[in-house]
Protein backbone atom coordinates (compact mmCIF):
# COMPACT_ATOMS: atom_id res chain seq x y z
CA MET A 1 -21.76 0.11 -3.91
CA ASP A 2 -21.93 3.21 -6.08
CA ASP A 3 -22.98 5.90 -3.63
CA LEU A 4 -19.65 6.87 -2.05
CA ILE A 5 -18.81 10.58 -1.88
CA PHE A 6 -15.27 11.75 -2.63
CA SER A 7 -14.22 15.30 -1.64
CA PRO A 8 -11.78 17.18 -3.90
CA HIS A 9 -9.18 17.01 -1.11
CA LEU A 10 -9.58 13.25 -0.85
CA LEU A 11 -9.19 12.84 -4.62
CA VAL A 12 -5.84 14.62 -4.43
CA GLY A 13 -4.72 12.28 -1.64
CA MET A 14 -5.86 9.25 -3.61
CA ALA A 15 -3.82 10.41 -6.60
CA ASP A 16 -0.77 10.98 -4.36
CA HIS A 17 -1.14 7.47 -2.91
CA GLN A 18 -1.89 5.99 -6.35
CA ILE A 19 -5.16 4.53 -5.08
CA PRO A 20 -7.90 4.72 -7.73
CA ALA A 21 -11.61 5.06 -6.91
CA GLU A 22 -12.03 1.50 -8.17
CA ALA A 23 -9.82 0.28 -5.30
CA VAL A 24 -11.85 2.23 -2.72
CA TYR A 25 -15.12 0.75 -4.01
CA HIS A 26 -13.58 -2.73 -4.07
CA VAL A 27 -12.37 -2.49 -0.46
CA VAL A 28 -15.66 -1.09 0.88
CA ALA A 29 -17.77 -3.67 -0.97
CA GLY A 30 -15.64 -6.69 -0.09
CA ALA A 31 -13.66 -5.78 3.00
CA ASP A 32 -11.68 -8.44 4.82
CA GLU A 33 -12.19 -6.43 8.00
CA LYS A 34 -14.91 -3.92 8.89
CA VAL A 35 -14.75 -1.98 12.15
CA VAL A 36 -17.41 0.49 13.30
CA GLN A 37 -15.60 3.12 15.34
CA PRO A 38 -17.07 4.92 18.37
CA ASN A 39 -17.13 8.21 16.41
CA GLY A 40 -19.62 6.74 13.92
CA ARG A 41 -17.10 6.16 11.17
CA THR A 42 -16.50 2.76 9.62
CA ARG A 43 -13.02 1.50 8.79
CA TYR A 44 -12.72 -1.02 5.95
CA THR A 45 -9.54 -3.00 5.28
CA GLY A 46 -9.11 -5.14 2.19
CA THR A 47 -6.76 -6.23 -0.55
CA TRP A 48 -6.68 -4.76 -4.02
CA GLU A 49 -4.05 -5.83 -6.56
CA SER A 50 -1.81 -7.25 -3.80
CA ARG A 51 -2.03 -4.00 -1.81
CA VAL A 52 -3.65 -3.77 1.62
CA ILE A 53 -5.89 -0.69 1.49
CA VAL A 54 -7.68 0.98 4.41
CA VAL A 55 -10.72 3.20 3.77
CA VAL A 56 -12.59 5.21 6.42
CA VAL A 57 -16.19 6.21 5.65
CA GLU A 58 -18.30 8.76 7.55
CA GLY A 59 -21.54 7.27 8.91
CA ASP A 60 -24.66 6.99 6.78
CA GLU A 61 -23.61 9.71 4.37
CA ARG A 62 -21.10 7.36 2.75
CA ALA A 63 -18.57 10.17 2.55
CA VAL A 64 -15.06 8.74 2.26
CA VAL A 65 -12.96 10.47 4.92
CA THR A 66 -9.54 9.03 4.16
CA GLU A 67 -7.67 6.15 2.56
CA TRP A 68 -4.16 4.75 2.75
CA GLU A 69 -2.12 1.68 2.01
CA ARG A 70 -0.86 -0.47 4.87
CA THR A 71 2.62 -0.88 3.46
CA ARG A 72 3.90 -3.42 5.97
CA GLU A 73 1.40 -5.96 4.68
CA SER A 74 1.31 -5.18 0.98
CA ARG A 75 3.03 -7.67 -1.27
CA ARG A 76 3.85 -4.88 -3.65
CA ASN A 77 6.16 -3.24 -1.11
CA ARG A 78 7.70 -6.54 -0.04
CA ARG A 79 8.84 -7.04 -3.62
CA ARG A 80 10.37 -3.55 -3.68
CA ARG A 81 12.56 -4.32 -0.67
CA ARG A 82 14.11 -7.42 -2.26
C-alpha cells in the first residue's frame, strides 16, 4: 500500500513516538486486527519490530489520522521494565 497521506502534524507526532512511515505502512498492509469504526475511520493494529502499533486511517482518502504504540503489549517496553 503506497497511497497513504501523512499530514505535517502527523509526521511530527510520528517522530516524537519514534514510529517511522515504514512501520505505518507495515501495520496497515498486514494488520493483526482491523476495525471499521462508526465514524468511517479504520483502526489497524499490528506488530512492527516487537512493538504493537495502532494506526487510524480516514475513510477512502487513506489519510492517516493518528498513530501510537500500545506500550502494555510491546515487548520492547517489557524489556525496559526488567
